[in-house]
Every structure is written in C-alpha cells, then in structure tokens.
Amino acid sequence: MNRGLKIAVTAVGTLLGLWFLLAGSMKFLSSAAFEVMFADFGLPLWGVPVIGILELLGAVLVIIPRTAMYGAGVIFVVMVGAASCHLLTGQGSPAGALVALLMAAFVAGLRFRAARS
C-alpha cells in the first residue's frame, strides 16, 4: 500500500473508531432514548446494550492497525442492520449508517488488501 493510501486508511479508521466510541458509549449514557428508538424499530430492548458493546468493540479494533479489518467488519455488520431498520420502518434517516458503512468498507477492504500482500 502506498504512503498516501496508508495515511488515508489510518485517518478514516481513526475517525470511524472515535465515532463508534461515542456511539457505543451513548447506548449506555442515554439508553432511554435508544430504548424508544429500538421499540419504534420493533427490536427488543436488550438489543441496546448488545449493540453498544458491539460498537465499542468495533471502535477499539478499528483504531488498532493490526485489527482494523476486524473492527471495520463488526461496524459494517452493525450498520447494515441500522440502515435496514431506518429504511424498512421509515423512522429517521439512514444517512449516518450508510456513511459509516462506506467508511467501514473502505477500511476493511484496504486492510484486507494490505494483509494479502
């Protein structure tokens, strides 16, 4: 991977990690708001802390270059679910989930490619 691409994937991975440290933490700090959102989506309330843990796990893994591909994979899967919930129920905008999904795909793809080289 050339130097510019390495800088880009590190920057995007770090931004994604920081974003999901915040997003995962919010599932615990303002869980009542997320419980309402999950109820609107028709999801069980126990899903709030589970998604929070997955987001925190993905955030930590995506920041570490050696594990970034796995963290991006966790975030990608969670964001597929989030975007699906928004699109299928018409509740809220899926834009944030889709941006995170694209960022995760970028990091995972480039980290995978670098690992295969």
Protein backbone atom coordinates (compact mmCIF):
# COMPACT_ATOMS: atom_id res chain seq x y z
CA MET A 1 0.00 0.00 0.00
CA ASN A 2 1.46 3.37 -0.95
CA ARG A 3 2.09 6.05 1.67
CA GLY A 4 -0.92 8.23 0.76
CA LEU A 5 -3.32 5.30 0.89
CA LYS A 6 -1.84 4.17 4.20
CA ILE A 7 -2.40 7.66 5.66
CA ALA A 8 -5.96 7.73 4.29
CA VAL A 9 -6.92 4.33 5.70
CA THR A 10 -5.39 5.21 9.07
CA ALA A 11 -7.23 8.55 9.17
CA VAL A 12 -10.58 7.03 8.16
CA GLY A 13 -10.11 4.15 10.61
CA THR A 14 -9.30 6.55 13.45
CA LEU A 15 -12.31 8.75 12.67
CA LEU A 16 -14.55 5.69 12.46
CA GLY A 17 -13.17 4.41 15.76
CA LEU A 18 -13.73 7.70 17.55
CA TRP A 19 -17.23 7.97 16.08
CA PHE A 20 -18.12 4.50 17.37
CA LEU A 21 -16.54 5.04 20.77
CA LEU A 22 -19.05 7.87 21.10
CA ALA A 23 -21.93 5.94 19.52
CA GLY A 24 -21.36 2.86 21.68
CA SER A 25 -20.99 4.94 24.85
CA MET A 26 -24.25 6.72 24.10
CA LYS A 27 -26.10 3.40 24.22
CA PHE A 28 -25.22 3.29 27.93
CA LEU A 29 -25.32 7.02 28.80
CA SER A 30 -28.71 7.80 27.27
CA SER A 31 -30.20 4.36 27.00
CA ALA A 32 -33.79 5.62 27.42
CA ALA A 33 -33.63 7.44 24.08
CA PHE A 34 -32.24 4.36 22.37
CA GLU A 35 -34.85 2.14 24.02
CA VAL A 36 -37.54 4.32 22.41
CA MET A 37 -35.77 4.09 19.04
CA PHE A 38 -35.39 0.30 19.31
CA ALA A 39 -39.07 0.00 20.29
CA ASP A 40 -40.02 2.09 17.23
CA PHE A 41 -37.97 -0.31 15.09
CA GLY A 42 -39.71 -3.29 16.71
CA LEU A 43 -36.47 -4.53 18.27
CA PRO A 44 -36.08 -5.97 21.77
CA LEU A 45 -34.80 -3.59 24.44
CA TRP A 46 -31.96 -5.93 25.39
CA GLY A 47 -30.53 -5.06 21.97
CA VAL A 48 -29.49 -1.57 23.13
CA PRO A 49 -26.58 -2.72 25.34
CA VAL A 50 -25.69 -5.52 22.91
CA ILE A 51 -25.35 -3.04 20.03
CA GLY A 52 -23.47 -0.68 22.36
CA ILE A 53 -20.95 -3.40 23.19
CA LEU A 54 -20.54 -4.31 19.51
CA GLU A 55 -20.00 -0.65 18.60
CA LEU A 56 -17.39 -0.24 21.36
CA LEU A 57 -15.65 -3.45 20.32
CA GLY A 58 -15.60 -2.37 16.68
CA ALA A 59 -14.30 1.07 17.67
CA VAL A 60 -11.37 -0.32 19.63
CA LEU A 61 -10.48 -2.87 16.96
CA VAL A 62 -10.69 -0.43 14.04
CA ILE A 63 -8.28 2.03 15.69
CA ILE A 64 -5.53 -0.62 16.00
CA PRO A 65 -3.98 -1.15 12.55
CA ARG A 66 -3.40 -4.89 13.06
CA THR A 67 -7.06 -5.50 13.99
CA ALA A 68 -8.67 -2.69 11.95
CA MET A 69 -10.05 -5.08 9.35
CA TYR A 70 -11.99 -6.99 12.03
CA GLY A 71 -13.26 -3.84 13.74
CA ALA A 72 -14.41 -2.47 10.40
CA GLY A 73 -16.20 -5.77 9.79
CA VAL A 74 -18.06 -5.53 13.11
CA ILE A 75 -19.06 -1.92 12.39
CA PHE A 76 -20.09 -2.84 8.84
CA VAL A 77 -22.45 -5.57 10.05
CA VAL A 78 -23.97 -3.33 12.75
CA MET A 79 -24.50 -0.54 10.21
CA VAL A 80 -26.17 -2.87 7.71
CA GLY A 81 -28.66 -3.58 10.48
CA ALA A 82 -29.05 0.09 11.37
CA ALA A 83 -29.55 1.19 7.77
CA SER A 84 -32.05 -1.63 7.24
CA CYS A 85 -34.06 -0.58 10.31
CA HIS A 86 -34.22 3.03 9.13
CA LEU A 87 -35.16 2.09 5.57
CA LEU A 88 -37.71 -0.59 6.44
CA THR A 89 -39.54 1.41 9.11
CA GLY A 90 -39.19 4.89 7.64
CA GLN A 91 -38.04 6.08 11.10
CA GLY A 92 -35.19 8.59 10.94
CA SER A 93 -32.56 8.92 8.26
CA PRO A 94 -30.25 6.10 7.21
CA ALA A 95 -27.60 8.61 6.05
CA GLY A 96 -25.30 8.25 9.08
CA ALA A 97 -25.45 4.46 8.96
CA LEU A 98 -24.70 4.47 5.23
CA VAL A 99 -21.71 6.81 5.66
CA ALA A 100 -20.34 4.61 8.45
CA LEU A 101 -20.96 1.53 6.32
CA LEU A 102 -18.95 3.03 3.44
CA MET A 103 -16.14 4.09 5.78
CA ALA A 104 -16.00 0.60 7.29
CA ALA A 105 -15.95 -1.00 3.83
CA PHE A 106 -13.06 1.30 2.82
CA VAL A 107 -11.01 0.42 5.90
CA ALA A 108 -11.77 -3.30 5.75
CA GLY A 109 -11.04 -3.53 2.03
CA LEU A 110 -7.72 -1.74 2.18
CA ARG A 111 -6.58 -3.51 5.35
CA PHE A 112 -7.52 -6.86 3.78
CA ARG A 113 -5.63 -5.97 0.62
CA ALA A 114 -2.57 -4.92 2.64
CA ALA A 115 -2.68 -8.16 4.66
CA ARG A 116 -2.78 -10.25 1.46
CA SER A 117 0.29 -8.50 0.00
